[in-house]
């Protein structure tokens, strides 16, 4: 087995293990997209998967933070209106 296949299998296993942890939201999806993009951009699938995992996680955390802020903003006027 070539070194690239071993490295790809290791990254896939790490991403699958990380995807099982809720704190790593977005990692698996980002890793898949990054891996495909890296492969198409010159056979850099492993590097693309690593970067995609980081970006996917960042975007998932950002989306969750925005959802919490929107929910808090929606709750605040409702409690002020009941006074």
N, C-alpha and C. Protein backbone atom coordinates (compact mmCIF):
# COMPACT_ATOMS: atom_id res chain seq x y z
N UNK A 1 0.84 -1.16 0.00
CA UNK A 1 0.00 0.00 0.00
C UNK A 1 0.90 1.24 0.00
N UNK A 2 0.53 2.23 -0.80
CA UNK A 2 1.38 3.42 -0.91
C UNK A 2 1.21 4.32 0.32
N UNK A 3 2.17 5.18 0.50
CA UNK A 3 2.15 6.10 1.64
C UNK A 3 0.94 7.03 1.57
N UNK A 4 0.55 7.43 0.35
CA UNK A 4 -0.60 8.32 0.22
C UNK A 4 -1.89 7.62 0.66
N UNK A 5 -2.05 6.37 0.34
CA UNK A 5 -3.24 5.63 0.77
C UNK A 5 -3.27 5.45 2.28
N UNK A 6 -2.12 5.19 2.86
CA UNK A 6 -2.04 5.04 4.31
C UNK A 6 -2.40 6.37 4.98
N UNK A 7 -1.85 7.46 4.46
CA UNK A 7 -2.14 8.78 5.03
C UNK A 7 -3.61 9.14 4.85
N UNK A 8 -4.16 8.82 3.69
CA UNK A 8 -5.58 9.11 3.45
C UNK A 8 -6.47 8.29 4.39
N UNK A 9 -6.12 7.04 4.60
CA UNK A 9 -6.89 6.20 5.51
C UNK A 9 -6.79 6.72 6.95
N UNK A 10 -5.62 7.20 7.33
CA UNK A 10 -5.45 7.76 8.68
C UNK A 10 -6.27 9.02 8.86
N UNK A 11 -6.28 9.89 7.85
CA UNK A 11 -7.08 11.12 7.94
C UNK A 11 -8.56 10.78 7.99
N UNK A 12 -8.99 9.84 7.18
CA UNK A 12 -10.39 9.44 7.18
C UNK A 12 -10.79 8.88 8.54
N UNK A 13 -9.96 8.04 9.11
CA UNK A 13 -10.25 7.47 10.42
C UNK A 13 -10.31 8.57 11.49
N UNK A 14 -9.39 9.52 11.41
CA UNK A 14 -9.38 10.62 12.39
C UNK A 14 -10.63 11.49 12.24
N UNK A 15 -11.03 11.74 11.02
CA UNK A 15 -12.23 12.56 10.79
C UNK A 15 -13.48 11.84 11.26
N UNK A 16 -13.57 10.55 11.02
CA UNK A 16 -14.73 9.81 11.48
C UNK A 16 -14.78 9.76 13.00
N UNK A 17 -13.63 9.62 13.62
CA UNK A 17 -13.59 9.62 15.09
C UNK A 17 -13.95 10.99 15.63
N UNK A 18 -13.47 12.03 14.98
CA UNK A 18 -13.75 13.39 15.43
C UNK A 18 -15.21 13.75 15.18
N UNK A 19 -15.80 13.20 14.14
CA UNK A 19 -17.20 13.51 13.83
C UNK A 19 -18.14 12.93 14.88
N UNK A 20 -17.69 11.92 15.60
CA UNK A 20 -18.53 11.32 16.63
C UNK A 20 -18.62 12.23 17.85
N UNK A 21 -17.68 13.14 18.00
CA UNK A 21 -17.68 14.07 19.12
C UNK A 21 -18.48 15.31 18.72
N UNK A 22 -19.52 15.68 19.48
CA UNK A 22 -20.34 16.83 19.09
C UNK A 22 -19.57 18.13 19.00
N UNK A 23 -18.48 18.27 19.74
CA UNK A 23 -17.70 19.51 19.70
C UNK A 23 -17.01 19.70 18.36
N UNK A 24 -16.91 18.68 17.57
CA UNK A 24 -16.23 18.77 16.28
C UNK A 24 -17.23 18.92 15.14
N UNK A 25 -18.27 19.66 15.37
CA UNK A 25 -19.31 19.84 14.36
C UNK A 25 -18.72 20.44 13.09
N UNK A 26 -19.13 19.94 11.96
CA UNK A 26 -18.70 20.45 10.67
C UNK A 26 -17.40 19.88 10.15
N UNK A 27 -16.67 19.13 10.97
CA UNK A 27 -15.36 18.62 10.57
C UNK A 27 -15.49 17.60 9.44
N UNK A 28 -16.40 16.67 9.58
CA UNK A 28 -16.51 15.60 8.58
C UNK A 28 -16.92 16.16 7.23
N UNK A 29 -17.92 17.02 7.22
CA UNK A 29 -18.38 17.60 5.96
C UNK A 29 -17.27 18.44 5.33
N UNK A 30 -16.59 19.24 6.14
CA UNK A 30 -15.49 20.06 5.63
C UNK A 30 -14.34 19.22 5.11
N UNK A 31 -14.06 18.12 5.80
CA UNK A 31 -12.96 17.25 5.38
C UNK A 31 -13.27 16.60 4.04
N UNK A 32 -14.49 16.20 3.84
CA UNK A 32 -14.87 15.59 2.55
C UNK A 32 -14.74 16.60 1.42
N UNK A 33 -15.31 17.79 1.64
CA UNK A 33 -15.24 18.83 0.61
C UNK A 33 -13.79 19.24 0.36
N UNK A 34 -13.03 19.43 1.42
CA UNK A 34 -11.63 19.82 1.27
C UNK A 34 -10.79 18.74 0.62
N UNK A 35 -11.07 17.49 0.94
CA UNK A 35 -10.34 16.38 0.34
C UNK A 35 -10.58 16.30 -1.16
N UNK A 36 -11.81 16.46 -1.55
CA UNK A 36 -12.13 16.43 -2.99
C UNK A 36 -11.49 17.63 -3.68
N UNK A 37 -11.62 18.80 -3.07
CA UNK A 37 -11.02 20.00 -3.65
C UNK A 37 -9.51 19.89 -3.75
N UNK A 38 -8.88 19.36 -2.70
CA UNK A 38 -7.43 19.18 -2.72
C UNK A 38 -6.99 18.18 -3.77
N UNK A 39 -7.78 17.13 -3.93
CA UNK A 39 -7.44 16.12 -4.95
C UNK A 39 -7.52 16.73 -6.35
N UNK A 40 -8.55 17.51 -6.59
CA UNK A 40 -8.70 18.12 -7.91
C UNK A 40 -7.67 19.21 -8.15
N UNK A 41 -7.14 19.79 -7.09
CA UNK A 41 -6.16 20.88 -7.23
C UNK A 41 -4.73 20.36 -7.18
N UNK A 42 -4.49 19.17 -7.63
CA UNK A 42 -3.11 18.70 -7.74
C UNK A 42 -2.77 17.58 -6.78
N UNK A 43 -3.70 16.72 -6.50
CA UNK A 43 -3.46 15.54 -5.66
C UNK A 43 -2.97 15.90 -4.26
N UNK A 44 -3.63 16.86 -3.65
CA UNK A 44 -3.34 17.25 -2.27
C UNK A 44 -4.56 16.96 -1.40
N UNK A 45 -5.10 15.75 -1.51
CA UNK A 45 -6.33 15.40 -0.82
C UNK A 45 -6.18 15.44 0.69
N UNK A 46 -5.07 14.97 1.21
CA UNK A 46 -4.88 14.93 2.67
C UNK A 46 -4.81 16.35 3.23
N UNK A 47 -4.04 17.20 2.60
CA UNK A 47 -3.94 18.59 3.05
C UNK A 47 -5.29 19.28 2.94
N UNK A 48 -6.00 19.02 1.86
CA UNK A 48 -7.34 19.60 1.68
C UNK A 48 -8.31 19.13 2.74
N UNK A 49 -8.21 17.86 3.12
CA UNK A 49 -9.10 17.32 4.15
C UNK A 49 -8.81 17.94 5.51
N UNK A 50 -7.56 18.14 5.82
CA UNK A 50 -7.19 18.75 7.11
C UNK A 50 -7.69 20.18 7.18
N UNK A 51 -7.43 20.95 6.14
CA UNK A 51 -7.87 22.34 6.11
C UNK A 51 -9.40 22.40 6.06
N UNK A 52 -10.03 21.52 5.29
CA UNK A 52 -11.49 21.50 5.22
C UNK A 52 -12.12 21.19 6.56
N UNK A 53 -11.50 20.31 7.32
CA UNK A 53 -12.00 19.99 8.66
C UNK A 53 -11.96 21.22 9.54
N UNK A 54 -10.86 21.94 9.51
CA UNK A 54 -10.72 23.14 10.34
C UNK A 54 -11.73 24.22 9.93
N UNK A 55 -11.88 24.44 8.64
CA UNK A 55 -12.81 25.44 8.15
C UNK A 55 -14.25 25.03 8.44
N UNK A 56 -14.57 23.76 8.22
CA UNK A 56 -15.92 23.28 8.50
C UNK A 56 -16.29 23.42 9.97
N UNK A 57 -15.35 23.12 10.85
CA UNK A 57 -15.59 23.28 12.28
C UNK A 57 -15.78 24.75 12.63
N UNK A 58 -14.96 25.62 12.06
CA UNK A 58 -15.08 27.05 12.32
C UNK A 58 -16.45 27.57 11.89
N UNK A 59 -16.89 27.19 10.70
CA UNK A 59 -18.18 27.66 10.20
C UNK A 59 -19.34 27.11 11.02
N UNK A 60 -19.23 25.87 11.48
CA UNK A 60 -20.30 25.29 12.31
C UNK A 60 -20.39 26.01 13.65
N UNK A 61 -19.26 26.33 14.25
CA UNK A 61 -19.27 27.06 15.52
C UNK A 61 -19.83 28.46 15.31
N UNK A 62 -19.45 29.10 14.22
CA UNK A 62 -19.95 30.45 13.91
C UNK A 62 -21.47 30.43 13.72
N UNK A 63 -21.96 29.43 13.01
CA UNK A 63 -23.40 29.31 12.77
C UNK A 63 -24.15 29.07 14.08
N UNK A 64 -23.59 28.23 14.95
CA UNK A 64 -24.22 27.96 16.24
C UNK A 64 -24.23 29.22 17.10
N UNK A 65 -23.15 29.97 17.10
CA UNK A 65 -23.07 31.21 17.87
C UNK A 65 -24.11 32.22 17.39
N UNK A 66 -24.27 32.33 16.06
CA UNK A 66 -25.27 33.25 15.50
C UNK A 66 -26.68 32.80 15.85
N UNK A 67 -26.92 31.49 15.85
CA UNK A 67 -28.25 30.98 16.21
C UNK A 67 -28.56 31.27 17.68
N UNK A 68 -27.57 31.12 18.55
CA UNK A 68 -27.78 31.45 19.97
C UNK A 68 -28.08 32.93 20.16
N UNK A 69 -27.35 33.79 19.43
CA UNK A 69 -27.57 35.23 19.55
C UNK A 69 -28.96 35.60 19.05
N UNK A 70 -29.40 34.98 17.95
CA UNK A 70 -30.73 35.26 17.43
C UNK A 70 -31.81 34.78 18.39
N UNK A 71 -31.60 33.63 18.99
CA UNK A 71 -32.58 33.11 19.96
C UNK A 71 -32.63 34.01 21.19
N UNK A 72 -31.49 34.49 21.65
CA UNK A 72 -31.47 35.39 22.80
C UNK A 72 -32.14 36.72 22.47
N UNK A 73 -31.93 37.21 21.25
CA UNK A 73 -32.56 38.46 20.83
C UNK A 73 -34.07 38.30 20.72
N UNK A 74 -34.53 37.14 20.30
CA UNK A 74 -35.97 36.89 20.19
C UNK A 74 -36.61 36.75 21.56
N UNK A 75 -35.88 36.22 22.53
CA UNK A 75 -36.42 36.05 23.88
C UNK A 75 -36.47 37.36 24.65
N UNK A 76 -35.49 38.23 24.44
CA UNK A 76 -35.40 39.48 25.22
C UNK A 76 -36.62 40.38 25.04
N UNK A 77 -37.08 40.68 23.83
CA UNK A 77 -38.26 41.55 23.69
C UNK A 77 -39.54 40.90 24.24
N UNK A 78 -39.63 39.59 24.17
CA UNK A 78 -40.83 38.93 24.68
C UNK A 78 -40.94 39.08 26.20
N UNK A 79 -39.82 39.00 26.90
CA UNK A 79 -39.87 39.16 28.35
C UNK A 79 -40.11 40.60 28.73
N UNK A 80 -39.64 41.56 27.92
CA UNK A 80 -39.87 42.96 28.22
C UNK A 80 -41.32 43.34 27.93
N UNK A 81 -41.95 42.68 26.97
CA UNK A 81 -43.34 43.01 26.60
C UNK A 81 -44.33 42.51 27.64
N UNK A 82 -43.96 41.51 28.43
CA UNK A 82 -44.88 40.97 29.42
C UNK A 82 -44.90 41.78 30.71
N UNK A 83 -44.02 42.74 30.84
CA UNK A 83 -43.96 43.56 32.07
C UNK A 83 -45.02 44.62 32.08
